[in-house]
Amino acid sequence: MILHSKIYGSGYPPVLVIHGLFGNGDNWISFAKKFEKNHQIHLLDMRNHGKSFVSNKMNYDIMSDDILKYIYYHKLNHPILLGHSMGGKTVMKFSIKYPIIPKKIIIVDISPKDYIDDNQKKLIHILKKVDFNIINTRKDLDFFLKTWISNIKIRSFFSKCVKKQKNGKLCFCFSLLNIEKNYDSLIHKKIENGSYHGPVLFLRGEYSNYILEKDYNHIQQLFPKCKIWTIIKSDHWIHIDNPIDFYNKIGVFLNET
C-alpha cells in the first residue's frame, strides 16, 4: 500500500515532509505553500495517521520502507526528506538504511536517542478517555481535554486532529489503538549502527529538551556532515512557535549546494 499525500508545486528537488506522532500532512500545509515555488512538496500521512492505511505493525524500519515505496511509486529522484519528531526519527532511519536515495535531510527537534520520558504515554491514556458519543465538536473536545492538559497549544493540536465520520460523529485522524500497541517501538527506540554522509540539518527548539548538547556526539557519529542549529523562542513545535526563523534557516539549507 502507498502512503496518502498532498502534493504542492513542481520544482526540483522534491521535498518529502514526514509529520510527528498523532499528526498528519495537513499540519504542514503552511510550510508547503512557503516553498512550493521552488520545490515539489509532498506532505505525507504515515501509516495509522491521516488518510493513510491502518496497520497493527508500526516501527521505524517498516515506516522507512513505506517511504521507499512512496518514492518509487511517484518516481522521485533524490528527494530531500524533512521529518519532525517521530517523522525525524523515521527520516534518520531511512537515510542510514538507504543512503544513496536522499539528496539531503532535515531533522526537526528529535535526536536518535531513545526517550524514557512517558509524556506521550500519558497523552495516550488521556485520549483513550475521549468519548465521541458525547463530544460533538472541537470546542467540546478542547473543554474535555482541559481537565488534564493545561497547555493550550497541545489541546489545540488534538482538537484539529479530528474528522467527521459518515455517521456524523467525530473521530481522531489517527489510530490510537495501533499507536498504543507499538508505542515502545516508537518512543523507546534508539537509532544506531551505520551512517549517512550526505548534508544533514538538525533544528532544535531553544526551550525544548528533545535535542540536548550531550546528544551531539551520537548525532555526529551517525551524521558526520550534520549542522545543528537552534531556533530561538521555540519549543518542540518549532514550525509553529517561530515559523519565520524556521523557514529562513530551512531556506538557507535548501539553497546550499
Protein backbone atom coordinates (compact mmCIF):
# COMPACT_ATOMS: atom_id res chain seq x y z
CA MET A 1 0.00 0.00 0.00
CA ILE A 2 1.14 3.54 -0.78
CA LEU A 3 1.04 6.35 1.77
CA HIS A 4 -1.53 9.10 1.20
CA SER A 5 -0.14 12.55 0.44
CA LYS A 6 -0.95 16.05 -0.73
CA ILE A 7 1.44 17.46 -3.32
CA TYR A 8 2.20 21.15 -3.88
CA GLY A 9 4.39 22.76 -6.55
CA SER A 10 6.59 21.14 -9.18
CA GLY A 11 10.21 22.24 -8.62
CA TYR A 12 13.31 20.10 -8.11
CA PRO A 13 14.47 18.56 -5.89
CA PRO A 14 11.22 17.37 -4.33
CA VAL A 15 10.82 17.66 -0.56
CA LEU A 16 9.04 14.95 1.43
CA VAL A 17 7.64 16.09 4.77
CA ILE A 18 7.12 13.44 7.46
CA HIS A 19 4.94 14.55 10.39
CA GLY A 20 5.21 13.61 14.07
CA LEU A 21 3.23 11.23 16.26
CA PHE A 22 -0.55 11.86 16.17
CA GLY A 23 -0.13 14.36 13.31
CA ASN A 24 -0.67 14.27 9.55
CA GLY A 25 0.44 16.05 6.42
CA ASP A 26 -2.12 18.81 6.85
CA ASN A 27 -0.11 20.11 9.82
CA TRP A 28 2.49 21.23 7.25
CA ILE A 29 0.35 23.00 4.65
CA SER A 30 1.80 26.41 5.56
CA PHE A 31 5.29 25.01 5.00
CA ALA A 32 4.27 23.60 1.61
CA LYS A 33 2.84 26.93 0.48
CA LYS A 34 6.02 28.69 1.59
CA PHE A 35 8.34 26.50 -0.51
CA GLU A 36 6.16 25.27 -3.39
CA LYS A 37 7.53 27.90 -5.82
CA ASN A 38 10.94 26.23 -5.89
CA HIS A 39 10.20 22.65 -4.86
CA GLN A 40 7.57 19.99 -5.26
CA ILE A 41 6.41 19.46 -1.67
CA HIS A 42 4.94 16.10 -0.65
CA LEU A 43 3.00 16.14 2.63
CA LEU A 44 2.78 12.50 3.66
CA ASP A 45 0.38 10.81 6.05
CA MET A 46 2.29 7.98 7.74
CA ARG A 47 0.63 4.64 8.45
CA ASN A 48 -2.04 4.87 11.18
CA HIS A 49 -2.23 8.64 10.60
CA GLY A 50 -4.38 10.91 8.44
CA LYS A 51 -5.80 9.23 5.35
CA SER A 52 -3.15 6.52 5.09
CA PHE A 53 -3.81 2.87 5.81
CA VAL A 54 -4.26 1.36 9.26
CA SER A 55 -1.82 -1.33 10.37
CA ASN A 56 -1.12 -3.22 13.59
CA LYS A 57 2.62 -3.02 12.84
CA MET A 58 4.47 0.26 13.19
CA ASN A 59 8.18 0.84 13.72
CA TYR A 60 10.97 2.87 12.12
CA ASP A 61 12.14 0.02 9.90
CA ILE A 62 8.66 -0.51 8.47
CA MET A 63 7.95 3.21 8.10
CA SER A 64 11.27 3.67 6.27
CA ASP A 65 10.12 1.06 3.77
CA ASP A 66 6.78 2.88 3.44
CA ILE A 67 8.72 5.96 2.35
CA LEU A 68 10.82 3.93 -0.07
CA LYS A 69 7.67 2.53 -1.71
CA TYR A 70 6.26 6.06 -1.93
CA ILE A 71 9.42 7.37 -3.62
CA TYR A 72 9.44 4.55 -6.17
CA TYR A 73 5.70 4.87 -6.81
CA HIS A 74 5.99 8.61 -7.54
CA LYS A 75 9.30 8.13 -9.41
CA LEU A 76 11.10 10.75 -7.32
CA ASN A 77 14.78 11.36 -7.98
CA HIS A 78 16.96 12.06 -4.93
CA PRO A 79 14.37 13.85 -2.79
CA ILE A 80 15.09 15.94 0.28
CA LEU A 81 13.46 14.48 3.39
CA LEU A 82 12.22 16.57 6.32
CA GLY A 83 10.90 14.92 9.46
CA HIS A 84 9.55 16.31 12.73
CA SER A 85 9.70 14.30 15.96
CA MET A 86 8.60 10.72 15.07
CA GLY A 87 8.97 11.75 11.44
CA GLY A 88 12.52 12.89 12.13
CA LYS A 89 13.48 9.51 13.55
CA THR A 90 11.90 7.85 10.53
CA VAL A 91 13.98 10.05 8.21
CA MET A 92 17.14 9.24 10.18
CA LYS A 93 16.44 5.52 9.85
CA PHE A 94 15.62 5.88 6.15
CA SER A 95 18.81 7.81 5.34
CA ILE A 96 21.01 5.25 7.09
CA LYS A 97 19.16 2.31 5.55
CA TYR A 98 19.01 3.79 2.03
CA PRO A 99 21.87 6.35 1.99
CA ILE A 100 22.09 6.78 -1.79
CA ILE A 101 18.49 7.99 -2.12
CA PRO A 102 18.19 11.29 -0.18
CA LYS A 103 19.87 14.39 -1.57
CA LYS A 104 19.90 15.82 1.95
CA ILE A 105 17.78 15.53 5.10
CA ILE A 106 16.32 17.88 7.70
CA ILE A 107 15.56 16.67 11.22
CA VAL A 108 13.26 18.83 13.33
CA ASP A 109 13.65 18.67 17.11
CA ILE A 110 14.40 15.00 17.66
CA SER A 111 17.57 13.07 18.48
CA PRO A 112 18.49 9.48 17.52
CA LYS A 113 18.49 8.54 21.23
CA ASP A 114 15.76 6.58 22.97
CA TYR A 115 13.36 8.63 25.09
CA ILE A 116 12.40 7.42 28.56
CA ASP A 117 10.00 10.30 29.27
CA ASP A 118 6.46 8.96 29.29
CA ASN A 119 4.65 12.22 28.48
CA GLN A 120 3.43 10.74 25.21
CA LYS A 121 2.11 7.67 27.02
CA LYS A 122 0.22 9.96 29.41
CA LEU A 123 -1.34 11.62 26.38
CA ILE A 124 -2.46 8.24 25.06
CA HIS A 125 -4.19 7.46 28.36
CA ILE A 126 -5.92 10.84 28.27
CA LEU A 127 -7.05 10.41 24.66
CA LYS A 128 -8.50 6.99 25.48
CA LYS A 129 -10.90 8.75 27.85
CA VAL A 130 -12.42 10.76 24.98
CA ASP A 131 -15.98 9.62 24.23
CA PHE A 132 -17.14 10.86 20.84
CA ASN A 133 -20.69 9.77 21.66
CA ILE A 134 -20.94 12.86 23.84
CA ILE A 135 -18.19 15.05 22.36
CA ASN A 136 -19.64 16.50 19.18
CA THR A 137 -17.42 19.48 18.32
CA ARG A 138 -13.80 20.57 18.51
CA LYS A 139 -14.84 23.03 21.20
CA ASP A 140 -16.31 20.16 23.24
CA LEU A 141 -13.05 18.24 22.86
CA ASP A 142 -10.94 21.19 23.96
CA PHE A 143 -13.14 21.66 27.03
CA PHE A 144 -12.84 17.97 27.89
CA LEU A 145 -9.05 17.86 27.45
CA LYS A 146 -8.61 20.98 29.59
CA THR A 147 -9.11 18.82 32.70
CA TRP A 148 -5.80 17.01 32.05
CA ILE A 149 -3.90 19.18 29.56
CA SER A 150 -3.16 22.75 30.61
CA ASN A 151 -1.03 23.52 27.55
CA ILE A 152 -3.29 25.35 25.07
CA LYS A 153 -1.01 24.53 22.14
CA ILE A 154 -1.26 20.77 22.76
CA ARG A 155 -5.04 20.94 23.21
CA SER A 156 -5.38 22.94 20.00
CA PHE A 157 -3.29 20.35 18.15
CA PHE A 158 -5.53 17.47 19.20
CA SER A 159 -8.69 19.49 18.60
CA LYS A 160 -7.59 19.87 14.98
CA CYS A 161 -6.73 16.16 14.64
CA VAL A 162 -10.36 15.05 14.40
CA LYS A 163 -12.66 14.38 11.47
CA LYS A 164 -16.35 13.70 10.98
CA GLN A 165 -17.37 10.15 10.08
CA LYS A 166 -20.22 9.11 7.79
CA ASN A 167 -22.45 8.64 10.84
CA GLY A 168 -21.86 12.26 11.78
CA LYS A 169 -19.73 11.51 14.83
CA LEU A 170 -16.20 12.78 15.27
CA CYS A 171 -13.14 10.55 15.50
CA PHE A 172 -9.41 11.11 15.72
CA CYS A 173 -7.37 11.29 12.49
CA PHE A 174 -5.06 8.57 13.79
CA SER A 175 -5.35 5.00 15.03
CA LEU A 176 -4.91 5.40 18.77
CA LEU A 177 -5.18 1.62 19.20
CA ASN A 178 -2.21 0.86 16.94
CA ILE A 179 -0.13 3.78 18.19
CA GLU A 180 -0.52 2.48 21.74
CA LYS A 181 0.24 -1.09 20.65
CA ASN A 182 3.52 0.00 19.01
CA TYR A 183 4.41 2.74 21.49
CA ASP A 184 7.64 1.19 22.76
CA SER A 185 8.93 0.71 19.20
CA LEU A 186 8.43 4.43 18.55
CA ILE A 187 9.49 6.17 21.75
CA HIS A 188 11.99 3.79 23.35
CA LYS A 189 13.88 3.04 20.14
CA LYS A 190 17.42 4.31 19.56
CA ILE A 191 18.73 4.91 16.03
CA GLU A 192 22.21 3.39 15.89
CA ASN A 193 24.59 1.50 13.61
CA GLY A 194 25.51 2.81 10.18
CA SER A 195 25.80 6.38 8.98
CA TYR A 196 24.60 8.84 6.36
CA HIS A 197 27.26 11.05 4.78
CA GLY A 198 25.04 13.49 2.90
CA PRO A 199 24.17 17.00 4.11
CA VAL A 200 22.06 17.00 7.27
CA LEU A 201 20.42 19.83 9.18
CA PHE A 202 19.20 19.35 12.75
CA LEU A 203 16.92 22.09 14.05
CA ARG A 204 16.28 22.24 17.78
CA GLY A 205 13.93 24.41 19.81
CA GLU A 206 15.56 26.80 22.27
CA TYR A 207 13.14 25.75 25.04
CA SER A 208 12.86 22.10 24.00
CA ASN A 209 14.67 19.21 25.70
CA TYR A 210 14.42 16.83 22.73
CA ILE A 211 17.94 17.63 21.47
CA LEU A 212 20.49 18.37 24.20
CA GLU A 213 24.18 19.21 23.88
CA LYS A 214 25.07 15.81 25.34
CA ASP A 215 23.35 14.24 22.28
CA TYR A 216 25.66 15.95 19.79
CA ASN A 217 28.37 13.28 19.81
CA HIS A 218 25.92 10.49 18.97
CA ILE A 219 24.32 12.63 16.26
CA GLN A 220 27.69 13.42 14.68
CA GLN A 221 28.72 9.75 14.67
CA LEU A 222 25.67 8.87 12.59
CA PHE A 223 25.68 12.05 10.50
CA PRO A 224 29.27 13.33 10.06
CA LYS A 225 28.21 16.23 7.82
CA CYS A 226 25.43 17.49 10.07
CA LYS A 227 24.74 21.03 11.19
CA ILE A 228 22.83 21.66 14.42
CA TRP A 229 21.03 24.99 14.58
CA THR A 230 18.80 26.38 17.30
CA ILE A 231 15.50 28.12 16.60
CA ILE A 232 15.09 30.82 19.24
CA LYS A 233 11.85 31.35 21.15
CA SER A 234 10.54 27.90 20.28
CA ASP A 235 9.66 24.65 21.99
CA HIS A 236 9.09 21.24 20.35
CA TRP A 237 6.67 22.64 17.75
CA ILE A 238 9.34 24.83 16.18
CA HIS A 239 7.47 25.43 12.92
CA ILE A 240 4.52 26.83 14.88
CA ASP A 241 6.39 28.73 17.61
CA ASN A 242 8.79 30.62 15.33
CA PRO A 243 7.90 30.00 11.67
CA ILE A 244 9.90 32.96 10.35
CA ASP A 245 13.22 31.77 11.77
CA PHE A 246 12.32 28.16 10.94
CA TYR A 247 11.57 28.94 7.29
CA ASN A 248 14.63 31.16 6.94
CA LYS A 249 17.04 28.50 8.19
CA ILE A 250 15.46 25.81 6.04
CA GLY A 251 15.59 28.13 3.03
CA VAL A 252 19.32 28.63 3.54
CA PHE A 253 19.91 24.87 3.82
CA LEU A 254 17.78 24.03 0.77
CA ASN A 255 19.72 26.52 -1.35
CA GLU A 256 23.14 25.20 -0.33
CA THR A 257 24.85 23.07 -2.99
